[in-house]
Amino acid sequence: EAGVATPSVPAHRLEGIVNMGFLRNAWYAAAWADEIAAGSPVARTIIGDPVVMWRDEAGRPVALADICPHRLAPLSKGLQQGNTLRCNYHGLRFNTLGECVENPHGPLLKSLCVRSYPLVEHQGMLWIWMGQPAAADPVHIPDVLGFTVDAPVHSWVKGATHVAANHKLFEDNILDPGHADYLHPLLGGGGMSRSKRTVEARGNQLYLHMWIDAWASPPIMAPEFADPAAPTDQWIEVWWHPCGAMLLRGGATPAGRPESEGIDTWTAHIYTPETQGKTHYFYASGRNYKVDDAGYNAGMAIGLKMAFEQEDLPMIEAQQQRIGNRDLMEAGPQLFAMDSASIRARRMYDRLLAAEQAQASREAA
């Protein structure tokens, strides 16, 4: 894993030009690590901030504000030259810390610096810290992709897409796995919405546990048992992080048998806000069966892509259109017991955001 470079220059006056009401002191998933290659800067907007990501000559990931201080042109349309990035509009050149190291038109002023963001490669993902650089401790990167580390190559799949809806609507969706009984014919078996549920806060995280006794297996799991029609005990666990990173564990075992005798799956759902109405969605899913079956893995990739991108996404994007520019809670939804986890997550997020903004106001006074 790459370390965190602490900027040695003041942030440019244009940093944080958009205050979208998001937590800033958090690690956000910015890209799969293999999305960013040397010599190919990538533009991405994270919680309203335009960012350009690239790799230096040693392969270390770099993130700068994607805005040249001269005419506000995007640096992502520039050229990487060694360990620097040149603006392709008027030739200003910046190093990995955001310092202007070449100005063809005058002196190297401090006002020509751009913000650099801590960017860390961890478990195949690039994580970016959008808040105070001094607080960027990689130990706080959410552990949602651990199941992919050292896993057989054909035991897991990954993907990413861009969606037109607020990140919280997608987080609500994962904190209510019961929707699979209706929206996902292969993933839901009719028992999830009848499960026993517990929800608990674990520090600044939320944990949901669901258990289903002796119920028909979901269609995607049933063929893995000796008797596909026999009832199974099933479980769902969800870990939610305020930055939108979530881990869902789901499995089943023959009714009355230990979990260790059944099948297990792990799916990371990671929702990084672009703006209030758009979200970067990264996902990865692994399992403990057929881990060396390339054909099955390819089929799993197709099935999950269909479930996430053809079932979840159209529904949630349509939901966003009905809600409009309001927050879900402002629109007055009629809530059920199954909504308890998502409501608690929203309240926790609001508390953390309020505390962060109050701290920022005190420091600015």
Protein backbone atom coordinates (compact mmCIF):
# COMPACT_ATOMS: atom_id res chain seq x y z
CA GLU A 1 0.00 0.00 0.00
CA ALA A 2 1.13 3.52 -0.73
CA GLY A 3 1.57 6.00 2.10
CA VAL A 4 -0.08 9.36 2.53
CA ALA A 5 1.76 12.44 1.29
CA THR A 6 1.01 15.44 3.49
CA PRO A 7 0.80 18.63 1.43
CA SER A 8 3.51 21.14 2.33
CA VAL A 9 1.79 24.03 0.58
CA PRO A 10 -1.29 26.01 1.51
CA ALA A 11 -4.53 25.02 -0.17
CA HIS A 12 -5.49 27.16 -3.11
CA ARG A 13 -8.16 29.78 -2.54
CA LEU A 14 -10.52 27.86 -4.83
CA GLU A 15 -10.54 24.61 -2.86
CA GLY A 16 -13.90 23.59 -1.50
CA ILE A 17 -15.66 25.94 -3.93
CA VAL A 18 -18.75 23.76 -3.62
CA ASN A 19 -20.13 23.02 -0.14
CA MET A 20 -22.57 20.22 -0.78
CA GLY A 21 -23.36 19.31 2.84
CA PHE A 22 -21.25 16.15 2.94
CA LEU A 23 -18.89 14.80 5.57
CA ARG A 24 -15.39 15.90 4.61
CA ASN A 25 -13.25 14.19 7.24
CA ALA A 26 -13.74 10.73 5.82
CA TRP A 27 -12.09 8.31 3.42
CA TYR A 28 -14.08 8.00 0.19
CA ALA A 29 -13.62 5.38 -2.50
CA ALA A 30 -12.32 7.33 -5.50
CA ALA A 31 -11.52 4.62 -8.05
CA TRP A 32 -10.54 1.01 -8.45
CA ALA A 33 -6.75 1.01 -8.33
CA ASP A 34 -6.49 -0.37 -11.87
CA GLU A 35 -8.53 2.54 -13.23
CA ILE A 36 -5.60 4.90 -12.71
CA ALA A 37 -2.58 4.26 -14.92
CA ALA A 38 0.65 6.20 -15.33
CA GLY A 39 0.40 8.90 -17.98
CA SER A 40 -3.42 8.93 -18.00
CA PRO A 41 -4.93 11.50 -15.60
CA VAL A 42 -8.51 10.72 -14.59
CA ALA A 43 -11.08 13.35 -13.61
CA ARG A 44 -13.67 12.62 -10.95
CA THR A 45 -15.89 14.76 -8.75
CA ILE A 46 -16.02 13.68 -5.09
CA ILE A 47 -18.54 15.35 -2.74
CA GLY A 48 -18.68 18.33 -5.07
CA ASP A 49 -14.91 18.81 -5.45
CA PRO A 50 -13.37 18.29 -8.92
CA VAL A 51 -10.32 16.04 -8.52
CA VAL A 52 -7.70 14.75 -10.94
CA MET A 53 -5.96 11.45 -10.13
CA TRP A 54 -2.75 10.14 -11.66
CA ARG A 55 0.35 8.11 -10.75
CA ASP A 56 3.88 9.42 -10.36
CA GLU A 57 6.89 7.68 -11.91
CA ALA A 58 7.12 5.29 -8.94
CA GLY A 59 3.47 4.28 -9.39
CA ARG A 60 2.25 6.16 -6.31
CA PRO A 61 -1.27 7.57 -6.70
CA VAL A 62 -1.70 11.35 -6.64
CA ALA A 63 -4.81 13.49 -6.33
CA LEU A 64 -4.97 17.24 -6.96
CA ALA A 65 -7.78 19.74 -7.26
CA ASP A 66 -8.79 19.56 -10.91
CA ILE A 67 -8.62 23.28 -11.51
CA CYS A 68 -5.74 25.44 -12.71
CA PRO A 69 -5.50 28.67 -10.69
CA HIS A 70 -4.83 30.74 -13.83
CA ARG A 71 -8.01 30.44 -15.91
CA LEU A 72 -9.69 27.64 -13.91
CA ALA A 73 -9.19 25.09 -16.68
CA PRO A 74 -9.29 21.40 -15.68
CA LEU A 75 -5.86 19.93 -15.07
CA SER A 76 -7.24 16.54 -16.06
CA LYS A 77 -7.07 17.75 -19.66
CA GLY A 78 -3.34 18.30 -19.24
CA LEU A 79 -0.27 16.15 -19.74
CA GLN A 80 1.73 14.18 -17.19
CA GLN A 81 5.44 14.94 -17.47
CA GLY A 82 7.42 12.77 -15.09
CA ASN A 83 6.28 13.60 -11.56
CA THR A 84 4.42 16.71 -12.67
CA LEU A 85 1.16 17.57 -14.37
CA ARG A 86 1.10 20.35 -16.95
CA CYS A 87 -2.00 22.42 -17.66
CA ASN A 88 -2.61 22.14 -21.37
CA TYR A 89 -4.15 25.61 -21.61
CA HIS A 90 -1.23 27.91 -20.74
CA GLY A 91 1.52 25.55 -19.64
CA LEU A 92 1.64 25.90 -15.84
CA ARG A 93 3.12 22.78 -14.28
CA PHE A 94 2.40 21.27 -10.84
CA ASN A 95 4.16 18.64 -8.74
CA THR A 96 2.53 15.89 -6.67
CA LEU A 97 2.02 18.27 -3.72
CA GLY A 98 0.19 20.80 -5.87
CA GLU A 99 3.08 23.28 -5.98
CA CYS A 100 3.45 25.23 -9.20
CA VAL A 101 6.99 24.37 -10.34
CA GLU A 102 6.82 26.11 -13.72
CA ASN A 103 5.03 29.28 -14.80
CA PRO A 104 6.00 30.30 -18.34
CA HIS A 105 4.40 33.69 -17.77
CA GLY A 106 5.85 34.91 -14.48
CA PRO A 107 7.10 34.04 -10.98
CA LEU A 108 6.19 30.95 -8.95
CA LEU A 109 3.72 32.50 -6.54
CA LYS A 110 2.15 30.72 -3.57
CA SER A 111 -1.23 31.70 -4.97
CA LEU A 112 -0.56 29.35 -7.88
CA CYS A 113 -0.65 26.27 -5.66
CA VAL A 114 -3.53 23.82 -5.98
CA ARG A 115 -4.81 21.56 -3.26
CA SER A 116 -3.46 18.03 -3.00
CA TYR A 117 -5.58 15.32 -1.39
CA PRO A 118 -4.30 12.32 0.55
CA LEU A 119 -4.85 9.30 -1.72
CA VAL A 120 -4.14 5.75 -0.51
CA GLU A 121 -4.21 2.44 -2.34
CA HIS A 122 -5.78 -0.18 -0.08
CA GLN A 123 -7.21 -3.59 -0.97
CA GLY A 124 -7.39 -2.75 -4.66
CA MET A 125 -9.22 0.55 -4.17
CA LEU A 126 -7.98 4.15 -4.15
CA TRP A 127 -9.32 5.98 -1.11
CA ILE A 128 -9.27 9.78 -0.94
CA TRP A 129 -9.46 12.01 2.13
CA MET A 130 -11.49 15.15 1.43
CA GLY A 131 -11.07 16.93 4.77
CA GLN A 132 -8.18 18.23 6.87
CA PRO A 133 -5.00 16.47 5.61
CA ALA A 134 -3.52 16.22 9.10
CA ALA A 135 -6.43 13.98 10.15
CA ALA A 136 -5.98 11.56 7.24
CA ASP A 137 -5.05 8.37 9.08
CA PRO A 138 -5.28 5.30 6.79
CA VAL A 139 -6.20 3.16 9.79
CA HIS A 140 -9.72 4.54 9.40
CA ILE A 141 -10.19 3.33 5.82
CA PRO A 142 -13.33 1.13 5.89
CA ASP A 143 -12.52 -2.58 5.85
CA VAL A 144 -15.12 -3.66 3.29
CA LEU A 145 -12.90 -5.33 0.68
CA GLY A 146 -10.92 -7.68 2.90
CA PHE A 147 -12.60 -10.72 1.34
CA THR A 148 -10.86 -9.92 -1.96
CA VAL A 149 -7.34 -9.99 -0.51
CA ASP A 150 -5.48 -13.17 -1.50
CA ALA A 151 -8.77 -14.65 -2.76
CA PRO A 152 -8.71 -17.07 -5.71
CA VAL A 153 -9.00 -15.09 -8.93
CA HIS A 154 -12.26 -16.82 -9.91
CA SER A 155 -13.91 -16.46 -6.50
CA TRP A 156 -14.97 -12.82 -6.81
CA VAL A 157 -15.98 -10.12 -9.27
CA LYS A 158 -16.08 -6.34 -9.25
CA GLY A 159 -17.63 -3.45 -11.13
CA ALA A 160 -18.44 0.23 -11.09
CA THR A 161 -21.06 2.53 -12.52
CA HIS A 162 -22.30 6.11 -12.27
CA VAL A 163 -25.85 6.71 -11.11
CA ALA A 164 -28.26 9.63 -11.03
CA ALA A 165 -29.51 9.50 -7.45
CA ASN A 166 -28.47 10.55 -3.95
CA HIS A 167 -26.05 8.24 -2.16
CA LYS A 168 -28.36 7.83 0.84
CA LEU A 169 -31.09 6.23 -1.28
CA PHE A 170 -28.65 3.49 -2.29
CA GLU A 171 -27.49 3.03 1.30
CA ASP A 172 -31.15 2.74 2.37
CA ASN A 173 -31.52 0.01 -0.24
CA ILE A 174 -28.70 -2.13 1.19
CA LEU A 175 -29.85 -1.57 4.77
CA ASP A 176 -33.19 -3.08 3.71
CA PRO A 177 -32.27 -6.43 2.10
CA GLY A 178 -35.95 -7.37 2.25
CA HIS A 179 -36.50 -5.54 -1.03
CA ALA A 180 -34.76 -8.47 -2.75
CA ASP A 181 -37.92 -10.56 -2.28
CA TYR A 182 -39.63 -8.31 -4.81
CA LEU A 183 -37.00 -6.56 -6.92
CA HIS A 184 -34.46 -9.38 -7.40
CA PRO A 185 -35.99 -12.69 -8.55
CA LEU A 186 -32.69 -14.58 -8.22
CA LEU A 187 -31.48 -13.08 -4.95
CA GLY A 188 -34.71 -13.04 -2.95
CA GLY A 189 -36.45 -16.15 -1.71
CA GLY A 190 -39.45 -14.59 0.00
CA GLY A 191 -38.06 -14.88 3.50
CA MET A 192 -35.95 -11.74 3.83
CA SER A 193 -38.85 -9.41 4.49
CA ARG A 194 -40.02 -11.80 7.25
CA SER A 195 -36.65 -12.09 8.97
CA LYS A 196 -35.75 -11.40 12.58
CA ARG A 197 -33.69 -8.19 12.70
CA THR A 198 -31.41 -6.43 15.11
CA VAL A 199 -29.69 -3.09 14.54
CA GLU A 200 -26.90 -1.66 16.66
CA ALA A 201 -24.45 1.22 16.55
CA ARG A 202 -20.78 0.32 16.73
CA GLY A 203 -18.95 3.58 17.21
CA ASN A 204 -19.60 5.61 14.08
CA GLN A 205 -20.77 2.54 12.19
CA LEU A 206 -24.04 0.69 12.04
CA TYR A 207 -24.51 -3.08 12.09
CA LEU A 208 -27.62 -4.91 10.87
CA HIS A 209 -28.23 -8.62 11.48
CA MET A 210 -31.06 -10.61 9.90
CA TRP A 211 -31.94 -14.27 10.47
CA ILE A 212 -34.46 -16.48 8.68
CA ASP A 213 -35.39 -19.89 10.10
CA ALA A 214 -36.11 -22.86 7.81
CA TRP A 215 -37.16 -21.12 4.62
CA ALA A 216 -36.82 -21.90 0.92
CA SER A 217 -33.37 -20.92 -0.33
CA PRO A 218 -33.01 -17.96 -2.70
CA PRO A 219 -32.91 -19.24 -6.30
CA ILE A 220 -29.25 -18.24 -6.71
CA MET A 221 -28.25 -20.42 -3.72
CA ALA A 222 -30.63 -23.40 -3.95
CA PRO A 223 -28.62 -25.35 -6.58
CA GLU A 224 -25.61 -25.45 -4.25
CA PHE A 225 -27.38 -27.77 -1.80
CA ALA A 226 -27.86 -31.54 -2.11
CA ASP A 227 -31.62 -31.00 -1.96
CA PRO A 228 -32.39 -27.61 -3.57
CA ALA A 229 -35.98 -27.77 -2.31
CA ALA A 230 -35.07 -28.40 1.33
CA PRO A 231 -35.46 -25.47 3.75
CA THR A 232 -32.40 -23.59 4.91
CA ASP A 233 -31.52 -21.20 7.69
CA GLN A 234 -30.35 -17.92 6.18
CA TRP A 235 -28.50 -14.85 7.40
CA ILE A 236 -27.73 -11.34 6.29
CA GLU A 237 -25.24 -9.01 7.97
CA VAL A 238 -24.63 -5.43 6.87
CA TRP A 239 -21.91 -3.06 8.07
CA TRP A 240 -22.52 0.60 7.18
CA HIS A 241 -19.89 3.36 7.24
CA PRO A 242 -20.86 7.06 7.02
CA CYS A 243 -18.67 7.52 3.90
CA GLY A 244 -21.05 5.24 1.99
CA ALA A 245 -18.90 2.10 2.17
CA MET A 246 -20.94 -0.98 3.07
CA LEU A 247 -20.27 -4.70 3.43
CA LEU A 248 -23.08 -7.24 3.12
CA ARG A 249 -22.57 -10.85 4.16
CA GLY A 250 -25.27 -13.31 3.16
CA GLY A 251 -25.50 -17.08 3.35
CA ALA A 252 -27.54 -20.18 4.01
CA THR A 253 -27.11 -23.59 5.59
CA PRO A 254 -29.39 -26.66 5.79
CA ALA A 255 -32.02 -25.97 8.43
CA GLY A 256 -30.67 -26.65 11.90
CA ARG A 257 -27.06 -27.01 10.80
CA PRO A 258 -24.15 -24.68 11.75
CA GLU A 259 -23.35 -21.74 9.49
CA SER A 260 -19.93 -23.27 8.84
CA GLU A 261 -21.62 -26.09 6.88
CA GLY A 262 -23.38 -23.69 4.54
CA ILE A 263 -22.44 -21.25 1.83
CA ASP A 264 -21.32 -17.68 2.39
CA THR A 265 -21.12 -14.60 0.20
CA TRP A 266 -19.66 -11.13 0.78
CA THR A 267 -20.57 -8.07 -1.25
CA ALA A 268 -19.09 -4.61 -0.90
CA HIS A 269 -21.43 -1.84 -1.96
CA ILE A 270 -19.57 1.48 -1.97
CA TYR A 271 -21.45 4.70 -2.71
CA THR A 272 -19.29 7.79 -3.11
CA PRO A 273 -21.28 11.00 -3.57
CA GLU A 274 -20.47 13.10 -6.60
CA THR A 275 -23.20 15.65 -5.86
CA GLN A 276 -26.49 15.42 -4.02
CA GLY A 277 -28.09 13.94 -7.10
CA LYS A 278 -25.28 11.77 -8.51
CA THR A 279 -23.23 8.93 -7.06
CA HIS A 280 -20.21 6.80 -7.94
CA TYR A 281 -21.11 3.16 -7.26
CA PHE A 282 -18.37 0.57 -6.79
CA TYR A 283 -19.17 -3.06 -6.00
CA ALA A 284 -17.38 -6.35 -5.47
CA SER A 285 -18.77 -9.76 -4.57
CA GLY A 286 -17.09 -12.97 -3.43
CA ARG A 287 -18.12 -16.40 -2.17
CA ASN A 288 -16.81 -19.54 -0.47
CA TYR A 289 -18.00 -22.05 -3.08
CA LYS A 290 -16.96 -22.79 -6.69
CA VAL A 291 -13.98 -20.56 -6.07
CA ASP A 292 -11.97 -21.99 -8.98
CA ASP A 293 -14.79 -22.15 -11.52
CA ALA A 294 -14.05 -19.47 -14.14
CA GLY A 295 -17.29 -20.11 -16.02
CA TYR A 296 -19.43 -19.83 -12.92
CA ASN A 297 -17.59 -16.67 -11.92
CA ALA A 298 -18.24 -15.11 -15.33
CA GLY A 299 -21.91 -15.95 -14.98
CA MET A 300 -21.94 -14.46 -11.50
CA ALA A 301 -20.47 -11.23 -12.87
CA ILE A 302 -23.26 -11.01 -15.45
CA GLY A 303 -25.96 -11.82 -12.88
CA LEU A 304 -24.76 -9.29 -10.33
CA LYS A 305 -24.37 -6.60 -12.96
CA MET A 306 -27.95 -7.23 -14.00
CA ALA A 307 -29.23 -7.14 -10.41
CA PHE A 308 -27.37 -3.96 -9.51
CA GLU A 309 -27.54 -2.04 -12.79
CA GLN A 310 -30.83 -3.26 -14.31
CA GLU A 311 -32.95 -3.80 -11.20
CA ASP A 312 -31.69 -1.59 -8.34
CA LEU A 313 -30.51 1.40 -10.37
CA PRO A 314 -33.62 2.04 -12.49
CA MET A 315 -35.81 1.80 -9.39
CA ILE A 316 -33.71 4.14 -7.27
CA GLU A 317 -33.15 6.64 -10.06
CA ALA A 318 -36.92 6.70 -10.59
CA GLN A 319 -37.38 7.14 -6.83
CA GLN A 320 -35.01 10.12 -6.98
CA GLN A 321 -37.06 11.67 -9.77
CA ARG A 322 -40.20 11.46 -7.63
CA ILE A 323 -38.41 12.95 -4.60
CA GLY A 324 -36.82 15.73 -6.67
CA ASN A 325 -34.49 18.09 -4.86
CA ARG A 326 -35.89 17.24 -1.43
CA ASP A 327 -34.35 14.90 1.09
CA LEU A 328 -36.31 11.67 1.45
CA MET A 329 -37.40 12.55 4.98
CA GLU A 330 -38.59 15.98 3.87
CA ALA A 331 -40.88 14.25 1.39
CA GLY A 332 -42.78 12.55 4.25
CA PRO A 333 -42.41 8.80 3.54
CA GLN A 334 -44.63 6.35 5.43
CA LEU A 335 -42.11 4.19 7.28
CA PHE A 336 -42.24 0.55 8.36
CA ALA A 337 -40.27 -1.46 10.92
CA MET A 338 -37.99 -2.67 8.10
CA ASP A 339 -36.80 0.95 7.68
CA SER A 340 -35.27 1.16 11.16
CA ALA A 341 -31.67 0.52 10.03
CA SER A 342 -31.72 3.08 7.24
CA ILE A 343 -33.35 5.71 9.45
CA ARG A 344 -30.71 5.16 12.14
CA ALA A 345 -27.97 5.48 9.54
CA ARG A 346 -29.43 8.76 8.29
CA ARG A 347 -29.66 10.14 11.81
CA MET A 348 -26.08 9.11 12.59
CA TYR A 349 -24.87 10.78 9.41
CA ASP A 350 -26.73 13.97 10.26
CA ARG A 351 -25.22 14.04 13.77
CA LEU A 352 -21.70 13.54 12.44
CA LEU A 353 -22.19 16.20 9.78
CA ALA A 354 -23.56 18.70 12.29
CA ALA A 355 -20.62 18.07 14.64
CA GLU A 356 -18.09 18.44 11.83
CA GLN A 357 -19.62 21.68 10.58
CA ALA A 358 -19.80 23.09 14.11
CA GLN A 359 -16.11 22.31 14.59
CA ALA A 360 -15.27 23.96 11.28
CA SER A 361 -17.20 27.07 12.32
CA ARG A 362 -15.33 27.26 15.64
CA GLU A 363 -11.98 26.95 13.87
CA ALA A 364 -12.92 29.65 11.38
CA ALA A 365 -14.02 32.10 14.10
